[in-house]
Amino acid sequence: WEPHGTSWYNCNRYNESDAKSARDAQMGSRAALERY
């Protein structure tokens, strides 16, 4: 959390390569849960 107040930290900028695996895992679990 500490660097979130600085101008150089871009938490709002989406990084596809960093987030793809986490997103896929979470969306897959969500879809499986909804189907069940």
Full PDB file with SEQRES, HELIX, SHEET, SSBOND, CRYST1, ORIGX, SCALE, CONECT and MASTER records, all heavy atoms in Angstrom:
SEQRES   1 A   36  TRP GLU PRO HIS GLY THR SER TRP TYR ASN CYS ASN ARG          
SEQRES   2 A   36  TYR ASN GLU SER ASP ALA LYS SER ALA ARG ASP ALA GLN          
SEQRES   3 A   36  MET GLY SER ARG ALA ALA LEU GLU ARG TYR                      
HELIX    1 AA1 GLU A    2  GLY A    5  5                                   4    
HELIX    2 AA2 GLU A   16  ARG A   35  1                                  20    
CRYST1    1.000    1.000    1.000  90.00  90.00  90.00 P 1           1          
ORIGX1      1.000000  0.000000  0.000000        0.00000                         
ORIGX2      0.000000  1.000000  0.000000        0.00000                         
ORIGX3      0.000000  0.000000  1.000000        0.00000                         
SCALE1      1.000000  0.000000  0.000000        0.00000                         
SCALE2      0.000000  1.000000  0.000000        0.00000                         
SCALE3      0.000000  0.000000  1.000000        0.00000                         
ATOM      1  N   TRP A   1       0.817  -1.222   0.000  1.00  0.00           N  
ATOM      2  CA  TRP A   1       0.000   0.000   0.000  1.00  0.00           C  
ATOM      3  C   TRP A   1       0.847   1.266   0.000  1.00  0.00           C  
ATOM      4  O   TRP A   1       0.430   2.299  -0.537  1.00  0.00           O  
ATOM      5  CB  TRP A   1      -0.924   0.002   1.219  1.00  0.00           C  
ATOM      6  CG  TRP A   1      -1.811   1.206   1.251  1.00  0.00           C  
ATOM      7  CD1 TRP A   1      -1.694   2.295   2.062  1.00  0.00           C  
ATOM      8  CD2 TRP A   1      -2.915   1.460   0.392  1.00  0.00           C  
ATOM      9  NE1 TRP A   1      -2.669   3.218   1.782  1.00  0.00           N  
ATOM     10  CE2 TRP A   1      -3.446   2.721   0.752  1.00  0.00           C  
ATOM     11  CE3 TRP A   1      -3.517   0.762  -0.649  1.00  0.00           C  
ATOM     12  CZ2 TRP A   1      -4.551   3.291   0.103  1.00  0.00           C  
ATOM     13  CZ3 TRP A   1      -4.614   1.322  -1.285  1.00  0.00           C  
ATOM     14  CH2 TRP A   1      -5.108   2.574  -0.909  1.00  0.00           C  
ATOM     15  N   GLU A   2       2.010   1.229   0.521  1.00  0.00           N  
ATOM     16  CA  GLU A   2       2.811   2.438   0.708  1.00  0.00           C  
ATOM     17  C   GLU A   2       3.043   3.231  -0.574  1.00  0.00           C  
ATOM     18  O   GLU A   2       2.875   4.464  -0.564  1.00  0.00           O  
ATOM     19  CB  GLU A   2       4.169   2.060   1.336  1.00  0.00           C  
ATOM     20  CG  GLU A   2       5.050   3.263   1.650  1.00  0.00           C  
ATOM     21  CD  GLU A   2       6.357   2.871   2.286  1.00  0.00           C  
ATOM     22  OE1 GLU A   2       6.538   1.652   2.551  1.00  0.00           O  
ATOM     23  OE2 GLU A   2       7.193   3.763   2.522  1.00  0.00           O  
ATOM     24  N   PRO A   3       3.398   2.622  -1.702  1.00  0.00           N  
ATOM     25  CA  PRO A   3       3.666   3.449  -2.896  1.00  0.00           C  
ATOM     26  C   PRO A   3       2.409   3.914  -3.629  1.00  0.00           C  
ATOM     27  O   PRO A   3       2.531   4.615  -4.644  1.00  0.00           O  
ATOM     28  CB  PRO A   3       4.484   2.506  -3.782  1.00  0.00           C  
ATOM     29  CG  PRO A   3       4.020   1.145  -3.408  1.00  0.00           C  
ATOM     30  CD  PRO A   3       3.728   1.206  -1.943  1.00  0.00           C  
ATOM     31  N   HIS A   4       1.196   3.548  -3.138  1.00  0.00           N  
ATOM     32  CA  HIS A   4      -0.007   3.939  -3.874  1.00  0.00           C  
ATOM     33  C   HIS A   4      -0.232   5.445  -3.888  1.00  0.00           C  
ATOM     34  O   HIS A   4      -0.959   5.959  -4.733  1.00  0.00           O  
ATOM     35  CB  HIS A   4      -1.236   3.237  -3.273  1.00  0.00           C  
ATOM     36  CG  HIS A   4      -1.443   1.861  -3.832  1.00  0.00           C  
ATOM     37  ND1 HIS A   4      -0.556   0.829  -3.605  1.00  0.00           N  
ATOM     38  CD2 HIS A   4      -2.422   1.348  -4.621  1.00  0.00           C  
ATOM     39  CE1 HIS A   4      -0.985  -0.264  -4.202  1.00  0.00           C  
ATOM     40  NE2 HIS A   4      -2.117   0.026  -4.843  1.00  0.00           N  
ATOM     41  N   GLY A   5       0.377   6.172  -2.980  1.00  0.00           N  
ATOM     42  CA  GLY A   5       0.206   7.625  -2.967  1.00  0.00           C  
ATOM     43  C   GLY A   5       1.193   8.357  -3.852  1.00  0.00           C  
ATOM     44  O   GLY A   5       1.104   9.582  -3.990  1.00  0.00           O  
ATOM     45  N   THR A   6       2.128   7.651  -4.465  1.00  0.00           N  
ATOM     46  CA  THR A   6       3.143   8.297  -5.297  1.00  0.00           C  
ATOM     47  C   THR A   6       2.682   8.370  -6.742  1.00  0.00           C  
ATOM     48  O   THR A   6       1.829   7.610  -7.197  1.00  0.00           O  
ATOM     49  CB  THR A   6       4.458   7.508  -5.232  1.00  0.00           C  
ATOM     50  OG1 THR A   6       4.248   6.197  -5.748  1.00  0.00           O  
ATOM     51  CG2 THR A   6       4.952   7.405  -3.788  1.00  0.00           C  
ATOM     52  N   SER A   7       3.251   9.278  -7.490  1.00  0.00           N  
ATOM     53  CA  SER A   7       2.820   9.508  -8.871  1.00  0.00           C  
ATOM     54  C   SER A   7       3.323   8.428  -9.820  1.00  0.00           C  
ATOM     55  O   SER A   7       2.750   8.206 -10.873  1.00  0.00           O  
ATOM     56  CB  SER A   7       3.327  10.883  -9.341  1.00  0.00           C  
ATOM     57  OG  SER A   7       4.744  10.942  -9.245  1.00  0.00           O  
ATOM     58  N   TRP A   8       4.416   7.751  -9.428  1.00  0.00           N  
ATOM     59  CA  TRP A   8       4.980   6.775 -10.370  1.00  0.00           C  
ATOM     60  C   TRP A   8       4.314   5.405 -10.283  1.00  0.00           C  
ATOM     61  O   TRP A   8       4.520   4.550 -11.137  1.00  0.00           O  
ATOM     62  CB  TRP A   8       6.488   6.624 -10.117  1.00  0.00           C  
ATOM     63  CG  TRP A   8       6.842   6.280  -8.686  1.00  0.00           C  
ATOM     64  CD1 TRP A   8       7.152   7.155  -7.689  1.00  0.00           C  
ATOM     65  CD2 TRP A   8       6.917   4.967  -8.110  1.00  0.00           C  
ATOM     66  NE1 TRP A   8       7.414   6.509  -6.521  1.00  0.00           N  
ATOM     67  CE2 TRP A   8       7.286   5.142  -6.757  1.00  0.00           C  
ATOM     68  CE3 TRP A   8       6.708   3.689  -8.598  1.00  0.00           C  
ATOM     69  CZ2 TRP A   8       7.431   4.079  -5.867  1.00  0.00           C  
ATOM     70  CZ3 TRP A   8       6.875   2.640  -7.710  1.00  0.00           C  
ATOM     71  CH2 TRP A   8       7.227   2.815  -6.376  1.00  0.00           C  
ATOM     72  N   TYR A   9       3.485   5.186  -9.245  1.00  0.00           N  
ATOM     73  CA  TYR A   9       2.855   3.865  -9.094  1.00  0.00           C  
ATOM     74  C   TYR A   9       1.518   3.857  -9.820  1.00  0.00           C  
ATOM     75  O   TYR A   9       0.623   4.635  -9.481  1.00  0.00           O  
ATOM     76  CB  TYR A   9       2.664   3.546  -7.608  1.00  0.00           C  
ATOM     77  CG  TYR A   9       2.326   2.081  -7.372  1.00  0.00           C  
ATOM     78  CD1 TYR A   9       3.337   1.135  -7.258  1.00  0.00           C  
ATOM     79  CD2 TYR A   9       1.008   1.656  -7.279  1.00  0.00           C  
ATOM     80  CE1 TYR A   9       3.054  -0.201  -7.035  1.00  0.00           C  
ATOM     81  CE2 TYR A   9       0.712   0.330  -7.066  1.00  0.00           C  
ATOM     82  CZ  TYR A   9       1.737  -0.608  -6.944  1.00  0.00           C  
ATOM     83  OH  TYR A   9       1.443  -1.914  -6.742  1.00  0.00           O  
ATOM     84  N   ASN A  10       1.389   3.046 -10.824  1.00  0.00           N  
ATOM     85  CA  ASN A  10       0.183   3.020 -11.661  1.00  0.00           C  
ATOM     86  C   ASN A  10      -0.681   1.797 -11.325  1.00  0.00           C  
ATOM     87  O   ASN A  10      -0.682   0.804 -12.037  1.00  0.00           O  
ATOM     88  CB  ASN A  10       0.561   2.991 -13.141  1.00  0.00           C  
ATOM     89  CG  ASN A  10       1.291   4.238 -13.554  1.00  0.00           C  
ATOM     90  OD1 ASN A  10       0.909   5.345 -13.158  1.00  0.00           O  
ATOM     91  ND2 ASN A  10       2.353   4.088 -14.341  1.00  0.00           N  
ATOM     92  N   CYS A  11      -1.424   1.878 -10.205  1.00  0.00           N  
ATOM     93  CA  CYS A  11      -2.331   0.777  -9.835  1.00  0.00           C  
ATOM     94  C   CYS A  11      -3.535   0.733 -10.770  1.00  0.00           C  
ATOM     95  O   CYS A  11      -4.170  -0.298 -10.920  1.00  0.00           O  
ATOM     96  CB  CYS A  11      -2.795   0.967  -8.387  1.00  0.00           C  
ATOM     97  SG  CYS A  11      -3.916  -0.319  -7.795  1.00  0.00           S  
ATOM     98  N   ASN A  12      -3.817   1.880 -11.412  1.00  0.00           N  
ATOM     99  CA  ASN A  12      -4.985   1.947 -12.292  1.00  0.00           C  
ATOM    100  C   ASN A  12      -4.692   1.397 -13.688  1.00  0.00           C  
ATOM    101  O   ASN A  12      -5.596   1.272 -14.509  1.00  0.00           O  
ATOM    102  CB  ASN A  12      -5.457   3.398 -12.408  1.00  0.00           C  
ATOM    103  CG  ASN A  12      -4.403   4.274 -13.069  1.00  0.00           C  
ATOM    104  OD1 ASN A  12      -3.254   4.244 -12.660  1.00  0.00           O  
ATOM    105  ND2 ASN A  12      -4.800   5.057 -14.076  1.00  0.00           N  
ATOM    106  N   ARG A  13      -3.443   1.104 -13.970  1.00  0.00           N  
ATOM    107  CA  ARG A  13      -3.075   0.668 -15.313  1.00  0.00           C  
ATOM    108  C   ARG A  13      -3.087  -0.857 -15.361  1.00  0.00           C  
ATOM    109  O   ARG A  13      -2.369  -1.518 -14.615  1.00  0.00           O  
ATOM    110  CB  ARG A  13      -1.698   1.211 -15.679  1.00  0.00           C  
ATOM    111  CG  ARG A  13      -1.286   0.913 -17.115  1.00  0.00           C  
ATOM    112  CD  ARG A  13      -0.071   1.715 -17.494  1.00  0.00           C  
ATOM    113  NE  ARG A  13      -0.385   3.147 -17.476  1.00  0.00           N  
ATOM    114  CZ  ARG A  13       0.527   4.102 -17.589  1.00  0.00           C  
ATOM    115  NH1 ARG A  13       1.815   3.783 -17.697  1.00  0.00           N  
ATOM    116  NH2 ARG A  13       0.162   5.372 -17.571  1.00  0.00           N  
ATOM    117  N   TYR A  14      -3.914  -1.398 -16.250  1.00  0.00           N  
ATOM    118  CA  TYR A  14      -4.095  -2.858 -16.335  1.00  0.00           C  
ATOM    119  C   TYR A  14      -2.925  -3.501 -17.059  1.00  0.00           C  
ATOM    120  O   TYR A  14      -2.536  -3.063 -18.135  1.00  0.00           O  
ATOM    121  CB  TYR A  14      -5.397  -3.178 -17.073  1.00  0.00           C  
ATOM    122  CG  TYR A  14      -5.694  -4.660 -17.175  1.00  0.00           C  
ATOM    123  CD1 TYR A  14      -6.088  -5.390 -16.057  1.00  0.00           C  
ATOM    124  CD2 TYR A  14      -5.586  -5.320 -18.390  1.00  0.00           C  
ATOM    125  CE1 TYR A  14      -6.372  -6.730 -16.142  1.00  0.00           C  
ATOM    126  CE2 TYR A  14      -5.866  -6.680 -18.482  1.00  0.00           C  
ATOM    127  CZ  TYR A  14      -6.261  -7.376 -17.353  1.00  0.00           C  
ATOM    128  OH  TYR A  14      -6.536  -8.698 -17.444  1.00  0.00           O  
ATOM    129  N   ASN A  15      -2.359  -4.530 -16.463  1.00  0.00           N  
ATOM    130  CA  ASN A  15      -1.247  -5.268 -17.053  1.00  0.00           C  
ATOM    131  C   ASN A  15      -1.743  -6.674 -17.401  1.00  0.00           C  
ATOM    132  O   ASN A  15      -1.950  -7.506 -16.528  1.00  0.00           O  
ATOM    133  CB  ASN A  15      -0.078  -5.346 -16.060  1.00  0.00           C  
ATOM    134  CG  ASN A  15       1.182  -5.891 -16.715  1.00  0.00           C  
ATOM    135  OD1 ASN A  15       1.135  -6.819 -17.509  1.00  0.00           O  
ATOM    136  ND2 ASN A  15       2.326  -5.294 -16.362  1.00  0.00           N  
ATOM    137  N   GLU A  16      -1.961  -6.910 -18.671  1.00  0.00           N  
ATOM    138  CA  GLU A  16      -2.537  -8.168 -19.137  1.00  0.00           C  
ATOM    139  C   GLU A  16      -1.695  -9.370 -18.743  1.00  0.00           C  
ATOM    140  O   GLU A  16      -2.210 -10.391 -18.278  1.00  0.00           O  
ATOM    141  CB  GLU A  16      -2.706  -8.125 -20.660  1.00  0.00           C  
ATOM    142  CG  GLU A  16      -3.281  -9.405 -21.275  1.00  0.00           C  
ATOM    143  CD  GLU A  16      -4.724  -9.629 -20.905  1.00  0.00           C  
ATOM    144  OE1 GLU A  16      -5.446  -8.637 -20.666  1.00  0.00           O  
ATOM    145  OE2 GLU A  16      -5.146 -10.801 -20.850  1.00  0.00           O  
ATOM    146  N   SER A  17      -0.385  -9.265 -18.915  1.00  0.00           N  
ATOM    147  CA  SER A  17       0.478 -10.417 -18.645  1.00  0.00           C  
ATOM    148  C   SER A  17       0.512 -10.775 -17.167  1.00  0.00           C  
ATOM    149  O   SER A  17       0.576 -11.952 -16.810  1.00  0.00           O  
ATOM    150  CB  SER A  17       1.895 -10.131 -19.144  1.00  0.00           C  
ATOM    151  OG  SER A  17       2.415  -8.987 -18.493  1.00  0.00           O  
ATOM    152  N   ASP A  18       0.462  -9.760 -16.286  1.00  0.00           N  
ATOM    153  CA  ASP A  18       0.518 -10.033 -14.854  1.00  0.00           C  
ATOM    154  C   ASP A  18      -0.807 -10.564 -14.304  1.00  0.00           C  
ATOM    155  O   ASP A  18      -0.823 -11.339 -13.354  1.00  0.00           O  
ATOM    156  CB  ASP A  18       0.901  -8.764 -14.085  1.00  0.00           C  
ATOM    157  CG  ASP A  18       2.327  -8.322 -14.379  1.00  0.00           C  
ATOM    158  OD1 ASP A  18       3.096  -9.181 -14.866  1.00  0.00           O  
ATOM    159  OD2 ASP A  18       2.639  -7.159 -14.112  1.00  0.00           O  
ATOM    160  N   ALA A  19      -1.912 -10.127 -14.887  1.00  0.00           N  
ATOM    161  CA  ALA A  19      -3.215 -10.443 -14.304  1.00  0.00           C  
ATOM    162  C   ALA A  19      -3.950 -11.592 -14.982  1.00  0.00           C  
ATOM    163  O   ALA A  19      -4.965 -12.067 -14.480  1.00  0.00           O  
ATOM    164  CB  ALA A  19      -4.110  -9.199 -14.344  1.00  0.00           C  
ATOM    165  N   LYS A  20      -3.463 -12.052 -16.127  1.00  0.00           N  
ATOM    166  CA  LYS A  20      -4.196 -13.030 -16.912  1.00  0.00           C  
ATOM    167  C   LYS A  20      -4.460 -14.324 -16.137  1.00  0.00           C  
ATOM    168  O   LYS A  20      -5.590 -14.831 -16.102  1.00  0.00           O  
ATOM    169  CB  LYS A  20      -3.454 -13.358 -18.206  1.00  0.00           C  
ATOM    170  CG  LYS A  20      -4.232 -14.271 -19.147  1.00  0.00           C  
ATOM    171  CD  LYS A  20      -3.469 -14.482 -20.440  1.00  0.00           C  
ATOM    172  CE  LYS A  20      -4.304 -15.279 -21.420  1.00  0.00           C  
ATOM    173  NZ  LYS A  20      -4.694 -16.597 -20.877  1.00  0.00           N  
ATOM    174  N   SER A  21      -3.433 -14.880 -15.498  1.00  0.00           N  
ATOM    175  CA  SER A  21      -3.601 -16.154 -14.797  1.00  0.00           C  
ATOM    176  C   SER A  21      -4.575 -16.026 -13.627  1.00  0.00           C  
ATOM    177  O   SER A  21      -5.440 -16.892 -13.430  1.00  0.00           O  
ATOM    178  CB  SER A  21      -2.253 -16.679 -14.306  1.00  0.00           C  
ATOM    179  OG  SER A  21      -1.647 -15.731 -13.447  1.00  0.00           O  
ATOM    180  N   ALA A  22      -4.443 -14.952 -12.862  1.00  0.00           N  
ATOM    181  CA  ALA A  22      -5.348 -14.751 -11.728  1.00  0.00           C  
ATOM    182  C   ALA A  22      -6.780 -14.527 -12.205  1.00  0.00           C  
ATOM    183  O   ALA A  22      -7.733 -15.045 -11.626  1.00  0.00           O  
ATOM    184  CB  ALA A  22      -4.876 -13.570 -10.885  1.00  0.00           C  
ATOM    185  N   ARG A  23      -6.942 -13.752 -13.267  1.00  0.00           N  
ATOM    186  CA  ARG A  23      -8.272 -13.479 -13.794  1.00  0.00           C  
ATOM    187  C   ARG A  23      -8.928 -14.761 -14.307  1.00  0.00           C  
ATOM    188  O   ARG A  23     -10.099 -15.045 -14.027  1.00  0.00           O  
ATOM    189  CB  ARG A  23      -8.179 -12.470 -14.925  1.00  0.00           C  
ATOM    190  CG  ARG A  23      -9.526 -12.109 -15.573  1.00  0.00           C  
ATOM    191  CD  ARG A  23      -9.298 -11.407 -16.893  1.00  0.00           C  
ATOM    192  NE  ARG A  23      -8.595 -12.282 -17.825  1.00  0.00           N  
ATOM    193  CZ  ARG A  23      -8.061 -11.864 -18.980  1.00  0.00           C  
ATOM    194  NH1 ARG A  23      -8.099 -10.587 -19.299  1.00  0.00           N  
ATOM    195  NH2 ARG A  23      -7.454 -12.714 -19.772  1.00  0.00           N  
ATOM    196  N   ASP A  24      -8.154 -15.555 -15.053  1.00  0.00           N  
ATOM    197  CA  ASP A  24      -8.712 -16.793 -15.605  1.00  0.00           C  
ATOM    198  C   ASP A  24      -9.128 -17.752 -14.508  1.00  0.00           C  
ATOM    199  O   ASP A  24     -10.179 -18.394 -14.588  1.00  0.00           O  
ATOM    200  CB  ASP A  24      -7.685 -17.461 -16.523  1.00  0.00           C  
ATOM    201  CG  ASP A  24      -7.451 -16.678 -17.806  1.00  0.00           C  
ATOM    202  OD1 ASP A  24      -8.263 -15.780 -18.098  1.00  0.00           O  
ATOM    203  OD2 ASP A  24      -6.460 -16.956 -18.500  1.00  0.00           O  
ATOM    204  N   ALA A  25      -8.295 -17.848 -13.478  1.00  0.00           N  
ATOM    205  CA  ALA A  25      -8.622 -18.761 -12.383  1.00  0.00           C  
ATOM    206  C   ALA A  25      -9.883 -18.321 -11.666  1.00  0.00           C  
ATOM    207  O   ALA A  25     -10.773 -19.132 -11.366  1.00  0.00           O  
ATOM    208  CB  ALA A  25      -7.447 -18.836 -11.407  1.00  0.00           C  
ATOM    209  N   GLN A  26      -9.985 -17.016 -11.416  1.00  0.00           N  
ATOM    210  CA  GLN A  26     -11.149 -16.525 -10.684  1.00  0.00           C  
ATOM    211  C   GLN A  26     -12.414 -16.612 -11.532  1.00  0.00           C  
ATOM    212  O   GLN A  26     -13.467 -17.030 -11.059  1.00  0.00           O  
ATOM    213  CB  GLN A  26     -10.923 -15.082 -10.231  1.00  0.00           C  
ATOM    214  CG  GLN A  26     -12.013 -14.588  -9.273  1.00  0.00           C  
ATOM    215  CD  GLN A  26     -11.683 -13.231  -8.704  1.00  0.00           C  
ATOM    216  OE1 GLN A  26     -11.076 -12.412  -9.371  1.00  0.00           O  
ATOM    217  NE2 GLN A  26     -12.081 -12.988  -7.466  1.00  0.00           N  
ATOM    218  N   MET A  27     -12.329 -16.257 -12.802  1.00  0.00           N  
ATOM    219  CA  MET A  27     -13.500 -16.330 -13.668  1.00  0.00           C  
ATOM    220  C   MET A  27     -13.928 -17.776 -13.894  1.00  0.00           C  
ATOM    221  O   MET A  27     -15.125 -18.083 -13.973  1.00  0.00           O  
ATOM    222  CB  MET A  27     -13.189 -15.651 -15.005  1.00  0.00           C  
ATOM    223  CG  MET A  27     -13.004 -14.141 -14.901  1.00  0.00           C  
ATOM    224  SD  MET A  27     -14.457 -13.310 -14.174  1.00  0.00           S  
ATOM    225  CE  MET A  27     -15.674 -13.629 -15.465  1.00  0.00           C  
ATOM    226  N   GLY A  28     -12.941 -18.683 -14.002  1.00  0.00           N  
ATOM    227  CA  GLY A  28     -13.289 -20.090 -14.160  1.00  0.00           C  
ATOM    228  C   GLY A  28     -14.011 -20.632 -12.954  1.00  0.00           C  
ATOM    229  O   GLY A  28     -15.004 -21.361 -13.077  1.00  0.00           O  
ATOM    230  N   SER A  29     -13.560 -20.271 -11.768  1.00  0.00           N  
ATOM    231  CA  SER A  29     -14.224 -20.706 -10.546  1.00  0.00           C  
ATOM    232  C   SER A  29     -15.620 -20.100 -10.439  1.00  0.00           C  
ATOM    233  O   SER A  29     -16.571 -20.756 -10.001  1.00  0.00           O  
ATOM    234  CB  SER A  29     -13.391 -20.301  -9.326  1.00  0.00           C  
ATOM    235  OG  SER A  29     -12.162 -20.973  -9.328  1.00  0.00           O  
ATOM    236  N   ARG A  30     -15.753 -18.839 -10.835  1.00  0.00           N  
ATOM    237  CA  ARG A  30     -17.060 -18.184 -10.778  1.00  0.00           C  
ATOM    238  C   ARG A  30     -18.050 -18.869 -11.722  1.00  0.00           C  
ATOM    239  O   ARG A  30     -19.199 -19.129 -11.354  1.00  0.00           O  
ATOM    240  CB  ARG A  30     -16.923 -16.707 -11.125  1.00  0.00           C  
ATOM    241  CG  ARG A  30     -18.205 -15.906 -10.939  1.00  0.00           C  
ATOM    242  CD  ARG A  30     -18.022 -14.472 -11.412  1.00  0.00           C  
ATOM    243  NE  ARG A  30     -16.971 -13.804 -10.681  1.00  0.00           N  
ATOM    244  CZ  ARG A  30     -17.144 -13.216  -9.503  1.00  0.00           C  
ATOM    245  NH1 ARG A  30     -18.341 -13.234  -8.927  1.00  0.00           N  
ATOM    246  NH2 ARG A  30     -16.138 -12.612  -8.902  1.00  0.00           N  
ATOM    247  N   ALA A  31     -17.593 -19.181 -12.932  1.00  0.00           N  
ATOM    248  CA  ALA A  31     -18.473 -19.830 -13.900  1.00  0.00           C  
ATOM    249  C   ALA A  31     -18.865 -21.227 -13.427  1.00  0.00           C  
ATOM    250  O   ALA A  31     -20.026 -21.640 -13.564  1.00  0.00           O  
ATOM    251  CB  ALA A  31     -17.779 -19.901 -15.262  1.00  0.00           C  
ATOM    252  N   ALA A  32     -17.892 -21.967 -12.852  1.00  0.00           N  
ATOM    253  CA  ALA A  32     -18.187 -23.306 -12.353  1.00  0.00           C  
ATOM    254  C   ALA A  32     -19.181 -23.253 -11.206  1.00  0.00           C  
ATOM    255  O   ALA A  32     -20.099 -24.089 -11.104  1.00  0.00           O  
ATOM    256  CB  ALA A  32     -16.902 -23.997 -11.915  1.00  0.00           C  
ATOM    257  N   LEU A  33     -19.015 -22.260 -10.332  1.00  0.00           N  
ATOM    258  CA  LEU A  33     -19.930 -22.109  -9.210  1.00  0.00           C  
ATOM    259  C   LEU A  33     -21.331 -21.774  -9.681  1.00  0.00           C  
ATOM    260  O   LEU A  33     -22.322 -22.340  -9.206  1.00  0.00           O  
ATOM    261  CB  LEU A  33     -19.406 -21.031  -8.256  1.00  0.00           C  
ATOM    262  CG  LEU A  33     -20.296 -20.711  -7.051  1.00  0.00           C  
ATOM    263  CD1 LEU A  33     -20.472 -21.942  -6.178  1.00  0.00           C  
ATOM    264  CD2 LEU A  33     -19.701 -19.560  -6.246  1.00  0.00           C  
ATOM    265  N   GLU A  34     -21.448 -20.842 -10.621  1.00  0.00           N  
ATOM    266  CA  GLU A  34     -22.766 -20.451 -11.132  1.00  0.00           C  
ATOM    267  C   GLU A  34     -23.459 -21.622 -11.826  1.00  0.00           C  
ATOM    268  O   GLU A  34     -24.675 -21.813 -11.689  1.00  0.00           O  
ATOM    269  CB  GLU A  34     -22.622 -19.270 -12.085  1.00  0.00           C  
ATOM    270  CG  GLU A  34     -22.226 -17.971 -11.387  1.00  0.00           C  
ATOM    271  CD  GLU A  34     -22.009 -16.829 -12.365  1.00  0.00           C  
ATOM    272  OE1 GLU A  34     -22.020 -17.105 -13.589  1.00  0.00           O  
ATOM    273  OE2 GLU A  34     -21.812 -15.687 -11.906  1.00  0.00           O  
ATOM    274  N   ARG A  35     -22.689 -22.418 -12.566  1.00  0.00           N  
ATOM    275  CA  ARG A  35     -23.285 -23.575 -13.246  1.00  0.00           C  
ATOM    276  C   ARG A  35     -23.778 -24.602 -12.231  1.00  0.00           C  
ATOM    277  O   ARG A  35     -24.873 -25.159 -12.359  1.00  0.00           O  
ATOM    278  CB  ARG A  35     -22.247 -24.219 -14.171  1.00  0.00           C  
ATOM    279  CG  ARG A  35     -22.784 -25.384 -14.991  1.00  0.00           C  
ATOM    280  CD  ARG A  35     -21.740 -25.880 -15.983  1.00  0.00           C  
ATOM    281  NE  ARG A  35     -22.296 -26.919 -16.834  1.00  0.00           N  
ATOM    282  CZ  ARG A  35     -22.322 -28.202 -16.524  1.00  0.00           C  
ATOM    283  NH1 ARG A  35     -21.799 -28.591 -15.367  1.00  0.00           N  
ATOM    284  NH2 ARG A  35     -22.853 -29.090 -17.344  1.00  0.00           N  
ATOM    285  N   TYR A  36     -22.960 -24.849 -11.222  1.00  0.00           N  
ATOM    286  CA  TYR A  36     -23.375 -25.799 -10.178  1.00  0.00           C  
ATOM    287  C   TYR A  36     -24.635 -25.320  -9.464  1.00  0.00           C  
ATOM    288  O   TYR A  36     -25.570 -26.091  -9.234  1.00  0.00           O  
ATOM    289  CB  TYR A  36     -22.238 -25.995  -9.184  1.00  0.00           C  
ATOM    290  CG  TYR A  36     -22.664 -26.693  -7.913  1.00  0.00           C  
ATOM    291  CD1 TYR A  36     -22.888 -28.065  -7.891  1.00  0.00           C  
ATOM    292  CD2 TYR A  36     -22.864 -25.973  -6.731  1.00  0.00           C  
ATOM    293  CE1 TYR A  36     -23.290 -28.704  -6.728  1.00  0.00           C  
ATOM    294  CE2 TYR A  36     -23.264 -26.601  -5.576  1.00  0.00           C  
ATOM    295  CZ  TYR A  36     -23.471 -27.971  -5.572  1.00  0.00           C  
ATOM    296  OH  TYR A  36     -23.883 -28.589  -4.425  1.00  0.00           O  
TER     297      TYR A  36                                                      
MASTER        0    0    0    2    0    0    0    6  296    1    0    3          
END                                                                             
